[in-house]
């Protein structure tokens, strides 16, 4: 498959899955309603987040929030897309990782532009062992992309040491 087409499809797929899930949540759940998927361990809870990760920045003045949660992420995402399109030496895992990060980031920026906030709805609480904030599929894409980049970096670093 053409590399540029692969990048475009993967980014669009990430955006589409996120946006479709948010439309479903907005149309089927009541705001702040808690739906137990797996007991209290995994729930759907529709919230709207004016800030970034875990609501950070939601109490900023509107100008700072616009700069730090809309302008800056847009510039960074544009650079990430430019980077992955121009850097032909990226290994496949890194390429997929960057596409997930870009797709998830674009999906959340889209929410901020269109709705002024981001729709979140997943919540995990493993009884004190592990507990998340409320998040969405775009957040999962970005997190998965970061984990893949970490593994790619470790894997490629080990490969270089073996060659040397």
N, C-alpha and C. Protein backbone atom coordinates (compact mmCIF):
# COMPACT_ATOMS: atom_id res chain seq x y z
N UNK A 1 0.85 -1.19 0.00
CA UNK A 1 0.00 0.00 0.00
C UNK A 1 0.89 1.24 0.00
N UNK A 2 0.48 2.26 -0.68
CA UNK A 2 1.17 3.54 -0.70
C UNK A 2 1.33 4.06 0.73
N UNK A 3 2.52 4.50 1.08
CA UNK A 3 2.84 4.96 2.44
C UNK A 3 1.94 6.11 2.88
N UNK A 4 1.76 7.12 2.02
CA UNK A 4 0.94 8.28 2.36
C UNK A 4 -0.52 7.87 2.56
N UNK A 5 -1.01 6.97 1.74
CA UNK A 5 -2.37 6.47 1.90
C UNK A 5 -2.51 5.72 3.23
N UNK A 6 -1.52 4.91 3.56
CA UNK A 6 -1.53 4.17 4.83
C UNK A 6 -1.60 5.14 6.01
N UNK A 7 -0.76 6.17 5.98
CA UNK A 7 -0.74 7.18 7.06
C UNK A 7 -2.11 7.85 7.16
N UNK A 8 -2.63 8.29 6.03
CA UNK A 8 -3.92 8.99 6.01
C UNK A 8 -5.04 8.09 6.55
N UNK A 9 -5.09 6.86 6.08
CA UNK A 9 -6.14 5.94 6.53
C UNK A 9 -6.05 5.66 8.03
N UNK A 10 -4.86 5.48 8.52
CA UNK A 10 -4.69 5.19 9.95
C UNK A 10 -5.09 6.39 10.81
N UNK A 11 -4.70 7.58 10.41
CA UNK A 11 -5.10 8.78 11.16
C UNK A 11 -6.62 8.96 11.10
N UNK A 12 -7.19 8.85 9.90
CA UNK A 12 -8.65 9.01 9.74
C UNK A 12 -9.39 7.93 10.53
N UNK A 13 -8.89 6.70 10.54
CA UNK A 13 -9.51 5.62 11.31
C UNK A 13 -9.56 5.98 12.79
N UNK A 14 -8.45 6.48 13.33
CA UNK A 14 -8.41 6.87 14.75
C UNK A 14 -9.42 7.97 15.04
N UNK A 15 -9.48 8.98 14.17
CA UNK A 15 -10.43 10.08 14.36
C UNK A 15 -11.86 9.55 14.29
N UNK A 16 -12.15 8.73 13.27
CA UNK A 16 -13.51 8.24 13.06
C UNK A 16 -14.01 7.39 14.23
N UNK A 17 -13.19 6.46 14.69
CA UNK A 17 -13.60 5.60 15.81
C UNK A 17 -13.91 6.44 17.04
N UNK A 18 -13.06 7.42 17.30
CA UNK A 18 -13.28 8.30 18.45
C UNK A 18 -14.57 9.10 18.29
N UNK A 19 -14.73 9.74 17.15
CA UNK A 19 -15.90 10.60 16.95
C UNK A 19 -17.20 9.80 16.94
N UNK A 20 -17.18 8.63 16.33
CA UNK A 20 -18.38 7.78 16.33
C UNK A 20 -18.74 7.38 17.76
N UNK A 21 -17.74 7.01 18.56
CA UNK A 21 -18.02 6.61 19.95
C UNK A 21 -18.60 7.78 20.74
N UNK A 22 -18.12 8.98 20.48
CA UNK A 22 -18.62 10.16 21.21
C UNK A 22 -20.05 10.50 20.80
N UNK A 23 -20.37 10.35 19.52
CA UNK A 23 -21.75 10.57 19.06
C UNK A 23 -22.68 9.57 19.74
N UNK A 24 -22.26 8.31 19.80
CA UNK A 24 -23.07 7.28 20.46
C UNK A 24 -23.29 7.63 21.93
N UNK A 25 -22.23 8.03 22.62
CA UNK A 25 -22.34 8.38 24.04
C UNK A 25 -23.28 9.56 24.22
N UNK A 26 -23.11 10.63 23.43
CA UNK A 26 -23.96 11.82 23.57
C UNK A 26 -25.42 11.51 23.27
N UNK A 27 -25.68 10.52 22.40
CA UNK A 27 -27.05 10.22 22.00
C UNK A 27 -27.72 9.13 22.83
N UNK A 28 -26.94 8.39 23.63
CA UNK A 28 -27.55 7.28 24.37
C UNK A 28 -27.43 7.40 25.89
N UNK A 29 -26.43 8.09 26.38
CA UNK A 29 -26.26 8.22 27.83
C UNK A 29 -26.83 9.56 28.30
N UNK A 30 -27.18 9.60 29.56
CA UNK A 30 -27.51 10.87 30.19
C UNK A 30 -26.24 11.42 30.80
N UNK A 31 -26.11 12.74 30.81
CA UNK A 31 -24.92 13.37 31.35
C UNK A 31 -24.67 12.91 32.78
N UNK A 32 -23.45 12.47 33.05
CA UNK A 32 -22.97 11.98 34.35
C UNK A 32 -23.62 10.67 34.81
N UNK A 33 -24.41 10.05 33.95
CA UNK A 33 -25.00 8.75 34.26
C UNK A 33 -23.89 7.71 34.33
N UNK A 34 -23.97 6.82 35.31
CA UNK A 34 -22.98 5.75 35.46
C UNK A 34 -23.59 4.43 35.01
N UNK A 35 -22.97 3.82 34.00
CA UNK A 35 -23.42 2.53 33.53
C UNK A 35 -22.31 1.52 33.82
N UNK A 36 -22.64 0.51 34.62
CA UNK A 36 -21.67 -0.53 34.95
C UNK A 36 -21.54 -1.48 33.77
N UNK A 37 -20.35 -1.57 33.21
CA UNK A 37 -20.09 -2.52 32.13
C UNK A 37 -19.57 -3.82 32.73
N UNK A 38 -18.60 -3.69 33.64
CA UNK A 38 -18.09 -4.83 34.40
C UNK A 38 -18.11 -4.38 35.87
N UNK A 39 -19.27 -4.53 36.49
CA UNK A 39 -19.43 -4.05 37.86
C UNK A 39 -19.01 -2.59 37.97
N UNK A 40 -18.42 -2.24 39.10
CA UNK A 40 -17.89 -0.89 39.28
C UNK A 40 -16.45 -0.78 38.76
N UNK A 41 -15.93 -1.89 38.23
CA UNK A 41 -14.55 -1.92 37.73
C UNK A 41 -14.39 -1.19 36.41
N UNK A 42 -15.39 -1.30 35.54
CA UNK A 42 -15.34 -0.63 34.25
C UNK A 42 -16.71 -0.02 34.00
N UNK A 43 -16.75 1.31 33.91
CA UNK A 43 -18.01 2.01 33.76
C UNK A 43 -17.98 2.98 32.59
N UNK A 44 -19.16 3.29 32.10
CA UNK A 44 -19.34 4.38 31.15
C UNK A 44 -19.96 5.53 31.93
N UNK A 45 -19.31 6.68 31.89
CA UNK A 45 -19.81 7.88 32.57
C UNK A 45 -19.56 9.05 31.63
N UNK A 46 -20.61 9.63 31.09
CA UNK A 46 -20.46 10.74 30.15
C UNK A 46 -20.17 12.03 30.91
N UNK A 47 -19.00 12.61 30.64
CA UNK A 47 -18.64 13.92 31.17
C UNK A 47 -18.09 14.77 30.03
N UNK A 48 -18.08 16.06 30.22
CA UNK A 48 -17.48 16.99 29.27
C UNK A 48 -16.30 17.66 29.97
N UNK A 49 -15.16 17.66 29.30
CA UNK A 49 -13.92 18.14 29.88
C UNK A 49 -13.46 19.40 29.15
N UNK A 50 -13.46 20.53 29.84
CA UNK A 50 -12.99 21.78 29.22
C UNK A 50 -11.47 21.89 29.25
N UNK A 51 -10.83 21.05 30.04
CA UNK A 51 -9.38 21.10 30.16
C UNK A 51 -8.71 20.02 29.34
N UNK A 52 -7.51 19.68 29.76
CA UNK A 52 -6.74 18.64 29.10
C UNK A 52 -6.86 17.38 29.96
N UNK A 53 -5.80 16.59 30.00
CA UNK A 53 -5.77 15.35 30.76
C UNK A 53 -6.29 15.56 32.18
N UNK A 54 -7.30 14.77 32.56
CA UNK A 54 -7.93 14.82 33.89
C UNK A 54 -8.45 16.21 34.26
N UNK A 55 -8.82 16.99 33.25
CA UNK A 55 -9.39 18.30 33.49
C UNK A 55 -8.38 19.40 33.77
N UNK A 56 -7.08 19.07 33.69
CA UNK A 56 -6.07 20.11 33.95
C UNK A 56 -6.24 21.26 32.96
N UNK A 57 -6.22 22.45 33.48
CA UNK A 57 -6.36 23.64 32.65
C UNK A 57 -7.79 24.10 32.47
N UNK A 58 -8.75 23.38 33.02
CA UNK A 58 -10.15 23.77 32.83
C UNK A 58 -10.49 25.07 33.54
N UNK A 59 -9.69 25.44 34.54
CA UNK A 59 -9.95 26.69 35.25
C UNK A 59 -9.07 27.85 34.76
N UNK A 60 -8.33 27.64 33.66
CA UNK A 60 -7.53 28.72 33.07
C UNK A 60 -8.45 29.78 32.48
N UNK A 61 -7.92 30.99 32.35
CA UNK A 61 -8.74 31.99 31.68
C UNK A 61 -8.87 31.58 30.21
N UNK A 62 -9.94 32.02 29.55
CA UNK A 62 -10.23 31.56 28.19
C UNK A 62 -9.10 31.77 27.18
N UNK A 63 -8.35 32.86 27.29
CA UNK A 63 -7.26 33.12 26.35
C UNK A 63 -6.16 32.08 26.51
N UNK A 64 -5.74 31.82 27.74
CA UNK A 64 -4.70 30.81 27.98
C UNK A 64 -5.18 29.42 27.58
N UNK A 65 -6.45 29.12 27.88
CA UNK A 65 -6.99 27.81 27.50
C UNK A 65 -6.97 27.67 25.97
N UNK A 66 -7.32 28.73 25.26
CA UNK A 66 -7.30 28.72 23.80
C UNK A 66 -5.88 28.45 23.28
N UNK A 67 -4.90 29.11 23.86
CA UNK A 67 -3.50 28.95 23.43
C UNK A 67 -2.98 27.56 23.76
N UNK A 68 -3.15 27.12 25.01
CA UNK A 68 -2.54 25.87 25.46
C UNK A 68 -3.33 24.62 25.09
N UNK A 69 -4.62 24.74 24.86
CA UNK A 69 -5.43 23.56 24.56
C UNK A 69 -5.92 23.49 23.13
N UNK A 70 -5.67 24.56 22.34
CA UNK A 70 -6.11 24.54 20.95
C UNK A 70 -5.00 24.91 19.98
N UNK A 71 -4.39 26.07 20.19
CA UNK A 71 -3.36 26.53 19.25
C UNK A 71 -2.11 25.66 19.33
N UNK A 72 -1.56 25.52 20.52
CA UNK A 72 -0.33 24.74 20.69
C UNK A 72 -0.49 23.28 20.24
N UNK A 73 -1.56 22.58 20.66
CA UNK A 73 -1.73 21.21 20.17
C UNK A 73 -1.88 21.14 18.65
N UNK A 74 -2.54 22.11 18.05
CA UNK A 74 -2.70 22.12 16.59
C UNK A 74 -1.36 22.25 15.90
N UNK A 75 -0.51 23.12 16.41
CA UNK A 75 0.84 23.29 15.84
C UNK A 75 1.65 22.01 16.00
N UNK A 76 1.60 21.41 17.17
CA UNK A 76 2.35 20.17 17.42
C UNK A 76 1.83 19.05 16.52
N UNK A 77 0.52 18.92 16.39
CA UNK A 77 -0.05 17.87 15.53
C UNK A 77 0.32 18.08 14.07
N UNK A 78 0.32 19.33 13.63
CA UNK A 78 0.73 19.62 12.25
C UNK A 78 2.18 19.19 12.04
N UNK A 79 3.03 19.46 13.03
CA UNK A 79 4.44 19.06 12.92
C UNK A 79 4.57 17.53 12.91
N UNK A 80 3.82 16.85 13.75
CA UNK A 80 3.88 15.38 13.80
C UNK A 80 3.50 14.80 12.44
N UNK A 81 2.43 15.32 11.84
CA UNK A 81 2.01 14.83 10.53
C UNK A 81 3.08 15.13 9.48
N UNK A 82 3.63 16.33 9.51
CA UNK A 82 4.71 16.68 8.59
C UNK A 82 5.89 15.71 8.77
N UNK A 83 6.25 15.47 10.03
CA UNK A 83 7.38 14.60 10.36
C UNK A 83 7.18 13.18 9.81
N UNK A 84 5.99 12.62 10.04
CA UNK A 84 5.79 11.24 9.61
C UNK A 84 5.67 11.13 8.08
N UNK A 85 5.20 12.18 7.44
CA UNK A 85 5.13 12.15 5.97
C UNK A 85 6.51 12.29 5.35
N UNK A 86 7.38 13.08 5.97
CA UNK A 86 8.69 13.36 5.39
C UNK A 86 9.78 12.39 5.82
N UNK A 87 9.64 11.75 6.98
CA UNK A 87 10.69 10.87 7.49
C UNK A 87 10.44 9.45 7.02
N UNK A 88 11.06 9.10 5.94
CA UNK A 88 10.85 7.79 5.31
C UNK A 88 11.55 6.66 6.07
N UNK A 89 12.49 6.99 6.96
CA UNK A 89 13.26 5.97 7.67
C UNK A 89 12.54 5.42 8.91
N UNK A 90 11.37 5.93 9.22
CA UNK A 90 10.66 5.44 10.41
C UNK A 90 10.33 3.96 10.25
N UNK A 91 10.56 3.20 11.32
CA UNK A 91 10.15 1.80 11.30
C UNK A 91 8.62 1.74 11.38
N UNK A 92 8.05 0.62 11.03
CA UNK A 92 6.59 0.49 10.94
C UNK A 92 5.90 0.76 12.27
N UNK A 93 6.46 0.26 13.37
CA UNK A 93 5.84 0.47 14.68
C UNK A 93 5.82 1.95 15.04
N UNK A 94 6.91 2.66 14.78
CA UNK A 94 6.95 4.10 15.07
C UNK A 94 5.95 4.86 14.19
N UNK A 95 5.85 4.47 12.94
CA UNK A 95 4.91 5.11 12.03
C UNK A 95 3.48 4.93 12.52
N UNK A 96 3.13 3.72 12.90
CA UNK A 96 1.79 3.46 13.43
C UNK A 96 1.57 4.24 14.72
N UNK A 97 2.59 4.29 15.58
CA UNK A 97 2.49 5.02 16.84
C UNK A 97 2.22 6.50 16.59
N UNK A 98 2.98 7.12 15.70
CA UNK A 98 2.77 8.54 15.40
C UNK A 98 1.39 8.78 14.80
N UNK A 99 0.91 7.85 13.98
CA UNK A 99 -0.44 7.99 13.39
C UNK A 99 -1.51 7.93 14.48
N UNK A 100 -1.34 7.05 15.45
CA UNK A 100 -2.29 6.97 16.57
C UNK A 100 -2.28 8.25 17.40
N UNK A 101 -1.09 8.76 17.64
CA UNK A 101 -0.96 10.01 18.41
C UNK A 101 -1.63 11.15 17.65
N UNK A 102 -1.35 11.26 16.36
CA UNK A 102 -1.93 12.33 15.55
C UNK A 102 -3.45 12.19 15.47
N UNK A 103 -3.94 10.99 15.19
CA UNK A 103 -5.38 10.78 15.08
C UNK A 103 -6.11 11.09 16.38
N UNK A 104 -5.59 10.60 17.49
CA UNK A 104 -6.21 10.88 18.79
C UNK A 104 -6.16 12.36 19.13
N UNK A 105 -5.02 12.98 18.86
CA UNK A 105 -4.89 14.41 19.13
C UNK A 105 -5.84 15.24 18.29
N UNK A 106 -5.93 14.92 17.02
CA UNK A 106 -6.84 15.65 16.13
C UNK A 106 -8.29 15.49 16.59
N UNK A 107 -8.67 14.28 16.99
CA UNK A 107 -10.04 14.03 17.43
C UNK A 107 -10.40 14.89 18.64
N UNK A 108 -9.49 15.01 19.60
CA UNK A 108 -9.78 15.84 20.78
C UNK A 108 -9.74 17.33 20.44
N UNK A 109 -8.83 17.74 19.57
CA UNK A 109 -8.81 19.15 19.14
C UNK A 109 -10.11 19.48 18.40
N UNK A 110 -10.58 18.56 17.58
CA UNK A 110 -11.85 18.74 16.88
C UNK A 110 -12.98 19.01 17.88
N UNK A 111 -13.04 18.21 18.94
CA UNK A 111 -14.05 18.42 19.99
C UNK A 111 -13.95 19.82 20.58
N UNK A 112 -12.72 20.25 20.86
CA UNK A 112 -12.55 21.58 21.46
C UNK A 112 -13.01 22.68 20.51
N UNK A 113 -12.76 22.51 19.20
CA UNK A 113 -13.18 23.51 18.23
C UNK A 113 -14.70 23.52 18.08
N UNK A 114 -15.30 22.35 17.92
CA UNK A 114 -16.73 22.26 17.63
C UNK A 114 -17.59 22.44 18.89
N UNK A 115 -17.18 21.83 20.00
CA UNK A 115 -18.02 21.84 21.20
C UNK A 115 -17.47 22.69 22.35
N UNK A 116 -16.22 23.13 22.24
CA UNK A 116 -15.61 23.89 23.32
C UNK A 116 -15.15 23.04 24.48
N UNK A 117 -15.26 21.74 24.33
CA UNK A 117 -14.88 20.79 25.38
C UNK A 117 -14.77 19.41 24.76
N UNK A 118 -14.21 18.47 25.52
CA UNK A 118 -13.98 17.12 25.02
C UNK A 118 -14.90 16.15 25.76
N UNK A 119 -15.55 15.29 25.00
CA UNK A 119 -16.43 14.27 25.58
C UNK A 119 -15.58 13.09 26.05
N UNK A 120 -15.71 12.75 27.33
CA UNK A 120 -15.03 11.59 27.92
C UNK A 120 -16.09 10.65 28.48
N UNK A 121 -15.77 9.35 28.57
CA UNK A 121 -16.81 8.43 29.03
C UNK A 121 -16.33 7.10 29.60
N UNK A 122 -15.07 6.73 29.45
CA UNK A 122 -14.59 5.47 30.03
C UNK A 122 -14.03 5.72 31.42
N UNK A 123 -14.30 4.81 32.34
CA UNK A 123 -13.74 4.90 33.69
C UNK A 123 -13.39 3.50 34.17
N UNK A 124 -12.16 3.34 34.67
CA UNK A 124 -11.70 2.06 35.19
C UNK A 124 -11.29 2.25 36.65
N UNK A 125 -11.78 1.37 37.50
CA UNK A 125 -11.41 1.40 38.92
C UNK A 125 -11.25 -0.04 39.38
N UNK A 126 -10.00 -0.46 39.54
CA UNK A 126 -9.73 -1.84 39.95
C UNK A 126 -9.54 -1.94 41.47
N UNK A 127 -10.39 -1.24 42.19
CA UNK A 127 -10.43 -1.35 43.64
C UNK A 127 -9.18 -0.94 44.36
N UNK A 128 -8.64 0.21 44.06
CA UNK A 128 -7.46 0.71 44.74
C UNK A 128 -6.15 0.30 44.11
N UNK A 129 -6.15 -0.74 43.29
CA UNK A 129 -4.93 -1.19 42.62
C UNK A 129 -4.62 -0.27 41.44
N UNK A 130 -5.65 0.10 40.71
CA UNK A 130 -5.49 0.93 39.52
C UNK A 130 -6.79 1.68 39.30
N UNK A 131 -6.69 2.99 39.11
CA UNK A 131 -7.88 3.81 38.90
C UNK A 131 -7.53 4.90 37.90
N UNK A 132 -8.39 5.09 36.91
CA UNK A 132 -8.14 6.13 35.91
C UNK A 132 -9.06 7.31 36.16
N UNK A 133 -8.76 8.39 35.47
CA UNK A 133 -9.73 9.46 35.32
C UNK A 133 -10.69 9.00 34.23
N UNK A 134 -11.64 9.82 33.90
CA UNK A 134 -12.57 9.48 32.82
C UNK A 134 -11.91 9.90 31.52
N UNK A 135 -11.90 8.99 30.53
CA UNK A 135 -11.17 9.23 29.30
C UNK A 135 -11.98 8.76 28.10
N UNK A 136 -11.41 8.91 26.89
CA UNK A 136 -12.12 8.53 25.67
C UNK A 136 -11.20 7.73 24.75
N UNK A 137 -11.69 7.38 23.58
CA UNK A 137 -10.91 6.58 22.64
C UNK A 137 -9.71 7.35 22.09
N UNK A 138 -9.87 8.66 21.88
CA UNK A 138 -8.73 9.47 21.42
C UNK A 138 -7.60 9.41 22.44
N UNK A 139 -7.94 9.48 23.72
CA UNK A 139 -6.92 9.37 24.77
C UNK A 139 -6.24 8.01 24.72
N UNK A 140 -7.02 6.96 24.44
CA UNK A 140 -6.45 5.62 24.32
C UNK A 140 -5.51 5.54 23.12
N UNK A 141 -5.87 6.19 22.02
CA UNK A 141 -5.01 6.20 20.83
C UNK A 141 -3.68 6.87 21.12
N UNK A 142 -3.75 8.03 21.77
CA UNK A 142 -2.52 8.76 22.10
C UNK A 142 -1.66 7.93 23.05
N UNK A 143 -2.27 7.35 24.07
CA UNK A 143 -1.53 6.54 25.04
C UNK A 143 -0.92 5.31 24.38
N UNK A 144 -1.69 4.63 23.56
CA UNK A 144 -1.17 3.45 22.85
C UNK A 144 -0.01 3.85 21.94
N UNK A 145 -0.15 5.00 21.27
CA UNK A 145 0.93 5.48 20.41
C UNK A 145 2.20 5.76 21.20
N UNK A 146 2.05 6.37 22.36
CA UNK A 146 3.23 6.66 23.19
C UNK A 146 3.89 5.37 23.67
N UNK A 147 3.10 4.39 24.05
CA UNK A 147 3.65 3.10 24.48
C UNK A 147 4.37 2.41 23.32
N UNK A 148 3.76 2.45 22.14
CA UNK A 148 4.41 1.86 20.96
C UNK A 148 5.73 2.55 20.64
N UNK A 149 5.76 3.89 20.77
CA UNK A 149 7.01 4.63 20.53
C UNK A 149 8.08 4.22 21.52
N UNK A 150 7.68 4.05 22.77
CA UNK A 150 8.62 3.61 23.80
C UNK A 150 9.20 2.25 23.45
N UNK A 151 8.34 1.29 23.10
CA UNK A 151 8.82 -0.03 22.70
C UNK A 151 9.68 0.02 21.45
N UNK A 152 9.28 0.84 20.50
CA UNK A 152 10.05 0.98 19.27
C UNK A 152 11.44 1.52 19.58
N UNK A 153 11.50 2.51 20.46
CA UNK A 153 12.79 3.08 20.84
C UNK A 153 13.68 2.07 21.53
N UNK A 154 13.09 1.28 22.42
CA UNK A 154 13.86 0.26 23.14
C UNK A 154 14.30 -0.83 22.16
N UNK A 155 13.39 -1.27 21.31
CA UNK A 155 13.69 -2.33 20.35
C UNK A 155 14.77 -1.89 19.38
N UNK A 156 14.64 -0.68 18.85
CA UNK A 156 15.64 -0.17 17.89
C UNK A 156 16.98 0.09 18.56
N UNK A 157 16.95 0.51 19.83
CA UNK A 157 18.18 0.73 20.57
C UNK A 157 18.92 -0.59 20.77
N UNK A 158 18.18 -1.65 21.12
CA UNK A 158 18.79 -2.97 21.30
C UNK A 158 19.34 -3.51 19.98
N UNK A 159 18.62 -3.24 18.89
CA UNK A 159 19.08 -3.69 17.58
C UNK A 159 20.42 -3.04 17.21
N UNK A 160 20.53 -1.74 17.48
CA UNK A 160 21.76 -1.00 17.17
C UNK A 160 22.93 -1.52 18.00
N UNK A 161 22.66 -1.88 19.26
CA UNK A 161 23.73 -2.42 20.12
C UNK A 161 24.20 -3.76 19.62
N UNK A 162 23.28 -4.58 19.10
CA UNK A 162 23.65 -5.90 18.58
C UNK A 162 24.52 -5.76 17.34
N UNK A 163 24.22 -4.75 16.53
CA UNK A 163 24.99 -4.55 15.29
C UNK A 163 26.40 -4.03 15.60
N UNK A 164 26.51 -3.18 16.62
CA UNK A 164 27.80 -2.58 16.95
C UNK A 164 28.77 -3.52 17.57
